Amino acid sequence: MTDAFAAELRRMREHRGLSYRQLSAVSTVSSSQLSDLEKGNRRPTREIVTALDTALTAHGRLAATMRTPVPEDVEGELEALEMAQRAAASDVSDTTLDRLERTADKMAMSYATTPPAELLPKVRRHLRYVDQLVDSRATIGQRRRLLVVGGWLSLLRSTLHIDLRQRAAAEAHLETATALAEQAEDMEITAWWLETEAWDELTRGNYVRAVELSQRAQDIAPAGGSAIVQATAQEGRAWARLGDQKATLNALGRVEKTAEDRPRPEHPEHHYQYDPGKMHAYTATTLSWVGDPAAERVARDVLKELEEEGARPRRIASARLDLGLALLAGEAPRADEAAAEARTAIRSGRIVPSNWWRVHELVAGIAATGAPEARDLQEEAAAARPADES
């Protein structure tokens, strides 16, 4: 971390054409301290990092170099395989299962507002507990409940690994989720597994595969569940990436039809429950990707709703990327406004590694217009890019 800080400090100081003495004058950090910091001979305190970040107008870039990178979850794959293997004969008490189910729901509800690296250890610990319970005595009904909660937690864990670009662990826990869902005969989890696979393929640019997986999810999803709505929306996003406007609008129409008579859920923030606000946000993303003229209006509406609610920072950052892309569409792209939205999204610190390709896409689009803001924006995006992003 010290090496990363030293390199970034040197790069930013030289980029601004400042000597040690000049930087010292505006930061209260002495010239000798600056020299030691750039050579990696001194570990900066929080106060020094803040002072230099402010003096260099670094917008948190220096502070970002001091964050501990998320390590690849090496043991995750083994844990997943072990759990799937041992689930063949299991189960426990109703009180324990009630508590586990409530906890699993609580973690799914905190997904949208909690950084994945922070939520992952909590999910991991509860999965270990479920794994321990797999060897306990239980009734058939209790065993099924244990398998179901294990399936949901495995699915959530795989999603967090995808967010963090930890591919092997993500794939292993997706396999575990579907194995547990099959044993419990829970088609909602199985459909969500396919939808999650579709989303992962979409983030990697495999759009045809994403369409196929999202359609398979719709085929098996229970009619009254949430997976069918999410999978249909995911299909629309994949068609948008493929540039098929007719198929895109068809999918959006089916999302609206499937969801139109549903009551608002008690906990719309739950990652695995239908959320009207999320579908609205998905529509904004989909329209911006396919270049529909309505994208800007929808994106602005979504952003306004989210900012009034104030509890979804990750979704707000994504909405700004949607709006930025929409502002570049048409014959008269507004690159300056798009750059402002991109910059705000980047500085929020809420864009997960798996979504950084969207930042690259927007920044590249702004650069393609020849906008004067592009160079600084490219530098800021490069500096803020998470180490886990690939």
Protein backbone atom coordinates (compact mmCIF):
# COMPACT_ATOMS: atom_id res chain seq x y z
CA MET A 1 0.00 0.00 0.00
CA THR A 2 2.88 2.37 0.84
CA ASP A 3 4.42 1.73 -2.59
CA ALA A 4 1.12 2.52 -4.29
CA PHE A 5 0.77 5.72 -2.28
CA ALA A 6 4.37 6.75 -3.05
CA ALA A 7 3.93 6.19 -6.79
CA GLU A 8 0.62 8.05 -6.93
CA LEU A 9 1.97 10.96 -4.87
CA ARG A 10 4.96 11.33 -7.18
CA ARG A 11 2.78 11.06 -10.30
CA MET A 12 0.32 13.69 -9.12
CA ARG A 13 2.98 16.12 -7.84
CA GLU A 14 4.93 15.93 -11.10
CA HIS A 15 1.74 16.17 -13.17
CA ARG A 16 0.95 19.46 -11.43
CA GLY A 17 4.53 20.70 -11.83
CA LEU A 18 5.15 21.17 -8.12
CA SER A 19 8.46 20.91 -6.31
CA TYR A 20 8.69 19.47 -2.80
CA ARG A 21 8.94 23.00 -1.44
CA GLN A 22 5.89 24.22 -3.36
CA LEU A 23 3.78 21.25 -2.28
CA SER A 24 4.98 21.65 1.29
CA ALA A 25 3.83 25.27 1.29
CA VAL A 26 0.24 24.33 0.45
CA SER A 27 -0.03 21.11 2.44
CA THR A 28 1.82 21.64 5.77
CA VAL A 29 3.83 18.46 5.05
CA SER A 30 7.55 19.22 5.12
CA SER A 31 9.84 18.78 2.10
CA SER A 32 11.83 16.07 3.86
CA GLN A 33 8.65 14.20 4.72
CA LEU A 34 7.51 14.43 1.10
CA SER A 35 10.83 13.02 -0.08
CA ASP A 36 10.57 10.10 2.37
CA LEU A 37 6.97 9.46 1.38
CA GLU A 38 7.78 9.29 -2.33
CA LYS A 39 10.70 6.95 -1.67
CA GLY A 40 8.49 4.68 0.40
CA ASN A 41 10.62 5.25 3.50
CA ARG A 42 7.74 6.64 5.55
CA ARG A 43 4.20 5.36 6.00
CA PRO A 44 1.74 8.26 5.76
CA THR A 45 -0.67 8.95 8.59
CA ARG A 46 -4.33 9.58 7.89
CA GLU A 47 -3.77 13.30 8.50
CA ILE A 48 -0.92 13.44 5.95
CA VAL A 49 -2.99 11.57 3.36
CA THR A 50 -5.89 13.99 3.85
CA ALA A 51 -3.64 17.05 3.69
CA LEU A 52 -1.93 15.94 0.47
CA ASP A 53 -5.18 14.79 -1.11
CA THR A 54 -6.62 18.25 -0.50
CA ALA A 55 -3.50 20.12 -1.64
CA LEU A 56 -3.28 18.15 -4.88
CA THR A 57 -7.06 18.21 -5.49
CA ALA A 58 -6.83 14.43 -5.74
CA HIS A 59 -10.52 13.76 -4.98
CA GLY A 60 -9.69 10.77 -2.78
CA ARG A 61 -7.19 9.14 -5.15
CA LEU A 62 -4.35 9.20 -2.63
CA ALA A 63 -6.63 7.84 0.08
CA ALA A 64 -7.72 5.07 -2.27
CA THR A 65 -4.15 3.75 -2.53
CA MET A 66 -4.17 3.08 1.21
CA ARG A 67 -7.19 0.80 1.13
CA THR A 68 -6.52 -2.86 1.65
CA PRO A 69 -7.22 -4.69 -1.63
CA VAL A 70 -9.74 -7.51 -1.46
CA PRO A 71 -7.83 -10.80 -1.69
CA GLU A 72 -8.99 -13.55 -3.98
CA ASP A 73 -11.14 -15.95 -1.95
CA VAL A 74 -8.90 -18.99 -2.32
CA GLU A 75 -10.75 -21.09 0.25
CA GLY A 76 -14.15 -20.18 -1.15
CA GLU A 77 -14.13 -22.78 -3.88
CA LEU A 78 -13.28 -25.59 -1.46
CA GLU A 79 -15.96 -24.46 0.98
CA ALA A 80 -18.58 -24.48 -1.76
CA LEU A 81 -17.70 -27.95 -3.01
CA GLU A 82 -17.59 -29.32 0.53
CA MET A 83 -21.00 -27.94 1.35
CA ALA A 84 -22.62 -29.26 -1.83
CA GLN A 85 -21.16 -32.71 -1.20
CA ARG A 86 -22.27 -32.93 2.44
CA ALA A 87 -25.80 -31.65 1.82
CA ALA A 88 -26.89 -35.13 0.77
CA ALA A 89 -28.02 -35.97 4.33
CA SER A 90 -28.79 -33.19 6.80
CA ASP A 91 -30.89 -30.82 9.01
CA VAL A 92 -32.09 -28.84 12.49
CA SER A 93 -34.49 -26.86 14.97
CA ASP A 94 -37.24 -24.46 13.82
CA THR A 95 -35.97 -21.63 16.02
CA THR A 96 -32.51 -21.83 14.49
CA LEU A 97 -33.97 -22.00 10.99
CA ASP A 98 -36.22 -18.99 11.63
CA ARG A 99 -33.21 -16.97 12.72
CA LEU A 100 -31.15 -18.10 9.74
CA GLU A 101 -33.93 -17.17 7.31
CA ARG A 102 -34.31 -13.72 8.87
CA THR A 103 -30.56 -13.17 8.72
CA ALA A 104 -30.38 -14.27 5.08
CA ASP A 105 -33.17 -11.82 4.22
CA LYS A 106 -31.46 -9.05 6.15
CA MET A 107 -28.21 -9.57 4.24
CA ALA A 108 -30.06 -9.64 0.91
CA MET A 109 -31.69 -6.32 1.89
CA SER A 110 -28.33 -4.76 2.74
CA TYR A 111 -26.75 -5.79 -0.58
CA ALA A 112 -27.59 -2.55 -2.40
CA THR A 113 -26.12 -0.30 0.29
CA THR A 114 -23.18 -2.31 1.66
CA PRO A 115 -19.82 -2.54 -0.15
CA PRO A 116 -19.39 -6.15 -1.35
CA ALA A 117 -16.06 -6.55 0.44
CA GLU A 118 -17.81 -5.65 3.70
CA LEU A 119 -20.84 -7.90 3.24
CA LEU A 120 -18.94 -10.95 1.97
CA PRO A 121 -17.39 -12.01 5.32
CA LYS A 122 -20.83 -11.95 6.98
CA VAL A 123 -22.34 -14.15 4.28
CA ARG A 124 -19.34 -16.46 4.43
CA ARG A 125 -19.67 -16.94 8.20
CA HIS A 126 -23.36 -17.80 7.96
CA LEU A 127 -22.73 -20.26 5.17
CA ARG A 128 -20.17 -21.99 7.36
CA TYR A 129 -22.82 -22.26 10.05
CA VAL A 130 -25.31 -23.73 7.59
CA ASP A 131 -22.62 -26.19 6.54
CA GLN A 132 -22.19 -27.28 10.16
CA LEU A 133 -25.95 -27.80 10.51
CA VAL A 134 -26.05 -30.01 7.46
CA ASP A 135 -24.85 -32.93 9.62
CA SER A 136 -27.52 -32.45 12.29
CA ARG A 137 -30.72 -34.44 12.77
CA ALA A 138 -33.89 -32.84 11.37
CA THR A 139 -37.30 -33.53 9.91
CA ILE A 140 -37.83 -33.55 6.15
CA GLY A 141 -39.40 -30.09 6.33
CA GLN A 142 -36.53 -28.69 8.39
CA ARG A 143 -34.01 -30.19 6.02
CA ARG A 144 -35.68 -28.51 3.07
CA ARG A 145 -35.67 -25.13 4.84
CA LEU A 146 -31.97 -25.52 5.57
CA LEU A 147 -31.22 -26.33 1.94
CA VAL A 148 -33.26 -23.33 0.78
CA VAL A 149 -31.53 -20.85 3.10
CA GLY A 150 -28.18 -22.35 2.09
CA GLY A 151 -29.15 -21.89 -1.55
CA TRP A 152 -30.05 -18.21 -1.09
CA LEU A 153 -26.87 -17.49 0.86
CA SER A 154 -24.75 -19.28 -1.75
CA LEU A 155 -26.45 -17.28 -4.48
CA LEU A 156 -25.79 -14.02 -2.63
CA ARG A 157 -22.20 -15.02 -2.00
CA SER A 158 -21.64 -15.77 -5.68
CA THR A 159 -23.08 -12.34 -6.55
CA LEU A 160 -20.64 -10.64 -4.19
CA HIS A 161 -17.74 -12.58 -5.71
CA ILE A 162 -18.87 -11.46 -9.18
CA ASP A 163 -18.96 -7.86 -7.94
CA LEU A 164 -15.37 -8.27 -6.75
CA ARG A 165 -14.23 -10.10 -9.89
CA GLN A 166 -13.35 -13.27 -7.95
CA ARG A 167 -14.25 -15.64 -10.74
CA ALA A 168 -13.41 -19.10 -9.33
CA ALA A 169 -15.25 -18.54 -6.04
CA ALA A 170 -18.24 -17.02 -7.87
CA GLU A 171 -18.61 -20.02 -10.16
CA ALA A 172 -18.21 -22.47 -7.28
CA HIS A 173 -20.94 -20.85 -5.20
CA LEU A 174 -23.27 -20.59 -8.17
CA GLU A 175 -22.89 -24.35 -8.57
CA THR A 176 -23.57 -24.83 -4.87
CA ALA A 177 -26.68 -22.64 -5.05
CA THR A 178 -28.17 -24.64 -7.89
CA ALA A 179 -27.23 -27.97 -6.27
CA LEU A 180 -29.02 -27.00 -3.05
CA ALA A 181 -31.99 -25.60 -4.99
CA GLU A 182 -32.35 -28.86 -6.90
CA GLN A 183 -32.31 -30.90 -3.69
CA ALA A 184 -34.90 -28.57 -2.15
CA GLU A 185 -36.89 -28.48 -5.42
CA ASP A 186 -36.94 -24.68 -5.28
CA MET A 187 -37.37 -23.35 -8.82
CA GLU A 188 -37.22 -19.70 -7.73
CA ILE A 189 -33.60 -20.12 -6.60
CA THR A 190 -32.78 -22.08 -9.75
CA ALA A 191 -34.24 -19.29 -11.91
CA TRP A 192 -32.25 -16.68 -9.98
CA TRP A 193 -29.13 -18.79 -10.50
CA LEU A 194 -29.66 -18.64 -14.28
CA GLU A 195 -30.41 -14.90 -14.11
CA THR A 196 -27.21 -14.32 -12.14
CA GLU A 197 -25.26 -16.30 -14.72
CA ALA A 198 -26.86 -14.15 -17.44
CA TRP A 199 -25.85 -10.95 -15.65
CA ASP A 200 -22.29 -12.23 -15.23
CA GLU A 201 -22.07 -13.09 -18.94
CA LEU A 202 -23.41 -9.64 -19.83
CA THR A 203 -20.72 -7.89 -17.76
CA ARG A 204 -18.12 -9.94 -19.65
CA GLY A 205 -19.51 -9.00 -23.06
CA ASN A 206 -21.08 -12.38 -23.88
CA TYR A 207 -24.43 -10.92 -24.88
CA VAL A 208 -25.87 -13.82 -26.89
CA ARG A 209 -25.15 -16.17 -24.00
CA ALA A 210 -26.80 -13.66 -21.64
CA VAL A 211 -29.96 -13.72 -23.77
CA GLU A 212 -30.02 -17.53 -23.74
CA LEU A 213 -29.56 -17.80 -19.97
CA SER A 214 -32.15 -15.14 -19.18
CA GLN A 215 -34.68 -16.90 -21.43
CA ARG A 216 -33.98 -20.23 -19.70
CA ALA A 217 -34.56 -18.52 -16.37
CA GLN A 218 -37.94 -17.24 -17.57
CA ASP A 219 -38.90 -20.72 -18.78
CA ILE A 220 -38.54 -22.28 -15.33
CA ALA A 221 -39.31 -19.33 -13.02
CA PRO A 222 -42.52 -19.55 -10.95
CA ALA A 223 -45.14 -17.19 -12.40
CA GLY A 224 -45.68 -15.26 -9.19
CA GLY A 225 -42.04 -14.97 -8.19
CA SER A 226 -39.54 -12.18 -8.69
CA ALA A 227 -37.02 -14.09 -10.80
CA ILE A 228 -39.25 -14.03 -13.87
CA VAL A 229 -39.41 -10.22 -13.80
CA GLN A 230 -35.68 -9.83 -13.25
CA ALA A 231 -34.78 -12.38 -15.93
CA THR A 232 -37.02 -10.66 -18.49
CA ALA A 233 -35.39 -7.33 -17.68
CA GLN A 234 -31.97 -8.95 -18.02
CA GLU A 235 -32.95 -10.27 -21.44
CA GLY A 236 -33.85 -6.73 -22.50
CA ARG A 237 -30.46 -5.43 -21.38
CA ALA A 238 -28.67 -8.14 -23.34
CA TRP A 239 -30.68 -7.37 -26.49
CA ALA A 240 -29.81 -3.70 -26.03
CA ARG A 241 -26.10 -4.55 -25.96
CA LEU A 242 -26.62 -6.48 -29.19
CA GLY A 243 -28.26 -3.41 -30.75
CA ASP A 244 -31.59 -5.13 -31.45
CA GLN A 245 -34.08 -2.37 -30.67
CA LYS A 246 -37.17 -4.39 -31.55
CA ALA A 247 -36.23 -7.29 -29.25
CA THR A 248 -35.19 -4.81 -26.55
CA LEU A 249 -38.53 -2.99 -26.54
CA ASN A 250 -40.37 -6.31 -26.69
CA ALA A 251 -38.58 -7.46 -23.53
CA LEU A 252 -39.31 -4.16 -21.76
CA GLY A 253 -42.98 -4.54 -22.68
CA ARG A 254 -43.03 -8.03 -21.18
CA VAL A 255 -41.42 -6.73 -17.99
CA GLU A 256 -44.18 -4.16 -17.66
CA LYS A 257 -46.90 -6.72 -18.36
CA THR A 258 -45.47 -9.28 -15.92
CA ALA A 259 -45.16 -6.72 -13.13
CA GLU A 260 -48.22 -4.53 -13.72
CA ASP A 261 -50.63 -6.18 -11.26
CA ARG A 262 -48.13 -6.86 -8.50
CA PRO A 263 -48.43 -5.08 -5.17
CA ARG A 264 -45.42 -3.15 -3.97
CA PRO A 265 -43.27 -5.53 -1.90
CA GLU A 266 -42.84 -4.96 1.82
CA HIS A 267 -39.07 -4.85 1.36
CA PRO A 268 -38.29 -3.59 -2.16
CA GLU A 269 -34.63 -3.26 -1.17
CA HIS A 270 -34.39 -7.08 -0.92
CA HIS A 271 -32.08 -8.18 -3.72
CA TYR A 272 -34.24 -11.19 -4.58
CA GLN A 273 -37.65 -9.51 -4.48
CA TYR A 274 -39.35 -7.55 -7.24
CA ASP A 275 -38.62 -3.85 -6.87
CA PRO A 276 -40.52 -1.37 -9.09
CA GLY A 277 -37.73 1.18 -8.63
CA LYS A 278 -35.11 -1.30 -9.77
CA MET A 279 -37.11 -2.11 -12.88
CA HIS A 280 -37.38 1.61 -13.63
CA ALA A 281 -33.60 1.87 -13.29
CA TYR A 282 -33.15 -1.16 -15.56
CA THR A 283 -35.34 0.53 -18.16
CA ALA A 284 -33.09 3.60 -18.07
CA THR A 285 -30.00 1.43 -18.52
CA THR A 286 -31.56 -0.56 -21.33
CA LEU A 287 -32.77 2.50 -23.26
CA SER A 288 -29.40 4.23 -22.90
CA TRP A 289 -27.62 1.15 -24.25
CA VAL A 290 -29.88 0.82 -27.26
CA GLY A 291 -29.69 4.57 -27.97
CA ASP A 292 -33.39 5.27 -27.53
CA PRO A 293 -34.28 9.02 -27.42
CA ALA A 294 -36.36 8.42 -24.28
CA ALA A 295 -33.28 7.31 -22.33
CA GLU A 296 -32.37 10.77 -21.01
CA ARG A 297 -35.84 11.50 -19.62
CA VAL A 298 -36.12 8.09 -17.96
CA ALA A 299 -32.59 8.32 -16.55
CA ARG A 300 -33.30 11.75 -15.07
CA ASP A 301 -36.53 10.47 -13.52
CA VAL A 302 -34.70 7.51 -11.98
CA LEU A 303 -31.94 9.73 -10.63
CA LYS A 304 -34.47 12.11 -9.09
CA GLU A 305 -36.33 9.24 -7.41
CA LEU A 306 -33.14 7.73 -6.04
CA GLU A 307 -31.78 11.01 -4.73
CA GLU A 308 -35.07 11.76 -2.97
CA GLU A 309 -34.97 8.31 -1.39
CA GLY A 310 -31.27 8.73 -0.56
CA ALA A 311 -30.61 5.11 0.44
CA ARG A 312 -29.21 3.51 -2.72
CA PRO A 313 -25.74 5.02 -3.39
CA ARG A 314 -24.68 2.21 -5.72
CA ARG A 315 -27.80 2.53 -7.82
CA ILE A 316 -27.41 6.33 -7.91
CA ALA A 317 -23.90 5.92 -9.33
CA SER A 318 -25.21 3.54 -12.02
CA ALA A 319 -28.03 5.96 -12.85
CA ARG A 320 -25.46 8.71 -13.45
CA LEU A 321 -23.64 6.43 -15.88
CA ASP A 322 -26.96 5.80 -17.66
CA LEU A 323 -27.64 9.52 -17.88
CA GLY A 324 -24.11 10.21 -19.10
CA LEU A 325 -24.49 7.68 -21.91
CA ALA A 326 -27.91 9.08 -22.83
CA LEU A 327 -26.42 12.60 -23.06
CA LEU A 328 -23.98 11.36 -25.69
CA ALA A 329 -26.72 10.00 -27.94
CA GLY A 330 -28.14 11.85 -30.92
CA GLU A 331 -26.64 14.30 -33.38
CA ALA A 332 -25.60 16.86 -30.75
CA PRO A 333 -23.92 15.01 -27.87
CA ARG A 334 -23.56 17.01 -24.65
CA ALA A 335 -20.14 15.74 -23.65
CA ASP A 336 -19.61 18.34 -20.92
CA GLU A 337 -22.77 17.26 -19.11
CA ALA A 338 -21.92 13.60 -19.65
CA ALA A 339 -18.45 14.21 -18.19
CA ALA A 340 -19.97 15.84 -15.12
CA GLU A 341 -22.20 12.81 -14.52
CA ALA A 342 -19.27 10.42 -15.05
CA ARG A 343 -17.08 12.37 -12.65
CA THR A 344 -19.75 12.39 -9.93
CA ALA A 345 -20.29 8.63 -10.33
CA ILE A 346 -16.56 7.92 -10.12
CA ARG A 347 -16.07 10.10 -7.05
CA SER A 348 -18.95 8.40 -5.24
CA GLY A 349 -16.73 5.37 -4.69
CA ARG A 350 -19.80 3.16 -5.17
CA ILE A 351 -19.02 1.54 -8.51
CA VAL A 352 -18.10 -2.09 -7.90
CA PRO A 353 -15.26 -3.73 -9.89
CA SER A 354 -17.69 -5.73 -12.06
CA ASN A 355 -19.30 -2.47 -13.23
CA TRP A 356 -16.16 -0.54 -14.14
CA TRP A 357 -16.49 -1.53 -17.78
CA ARG A 358 -19.43 0.88 -17.84
CA VAL A 359 -17.17 3.72 -16.66
CA HIS A 360 -14.66 2.87 -19.39
CA GLU A 361 -17.44 2.86 -21.98
CA LEU A 362 -18.77 6.27 -20.95
CA VAL A 363 -15.32 7.87 -20.69
CA ALA A 364 -14.39 6.48 -24.11
CA GLY A 365 -17.61 7.90 -25.56
CA ILE A 366 -16.82 11.32 -24.13
CA ALA A 367 -13.26 11.15 -25.49
CA ALA A 368 -14.60 10.24 -28.94
CA THR A 369 -16.41 13.58 -29.12
CA GLY A 370 -13.12 15.44 -28.71
CA ALA A 371 -14.41 17.17 -25.58
CA PRO A 372 -11.73 19.08 -23.63
CA GLU A 373 -12.93 17.41 -20.41
CA ALA A 374 -11.94 13.98 -21.68
CA ARG A 375 -8.26 13.97 -20.74
CA ASP A 376 -8.74 14.89 -17.08
CA LEU A 377 -11.67 12.50 -16.86
CA GLN A 378 -9.58 9.65 -18.27
CA GLU A 379 -6.88 10.32 -15.68
CA GLU A 380 -9.39 10.46 -12.87
CA ALA A 381 -11.03 7.21 -13.97
CA ALA A 382 -7.66 5.48 -14.24
CA ALA A 383 -6.64 6.69 -10.78
CA ALA A 384 -9.91 5.64 -9.15
CA ARG A 385 -10.16 2.26 -10.87
CA PRO A 386 -10.25 -0.51 -8.24
CA ALA A 387 -7.34 -2.94 -8.13
CA ASP A 388 -9.83 -5.80 -8.49
CA GLU A 389 -11.20 -4.50 -11.79
CA SER A 390 -9.99 -6.28 -14.89
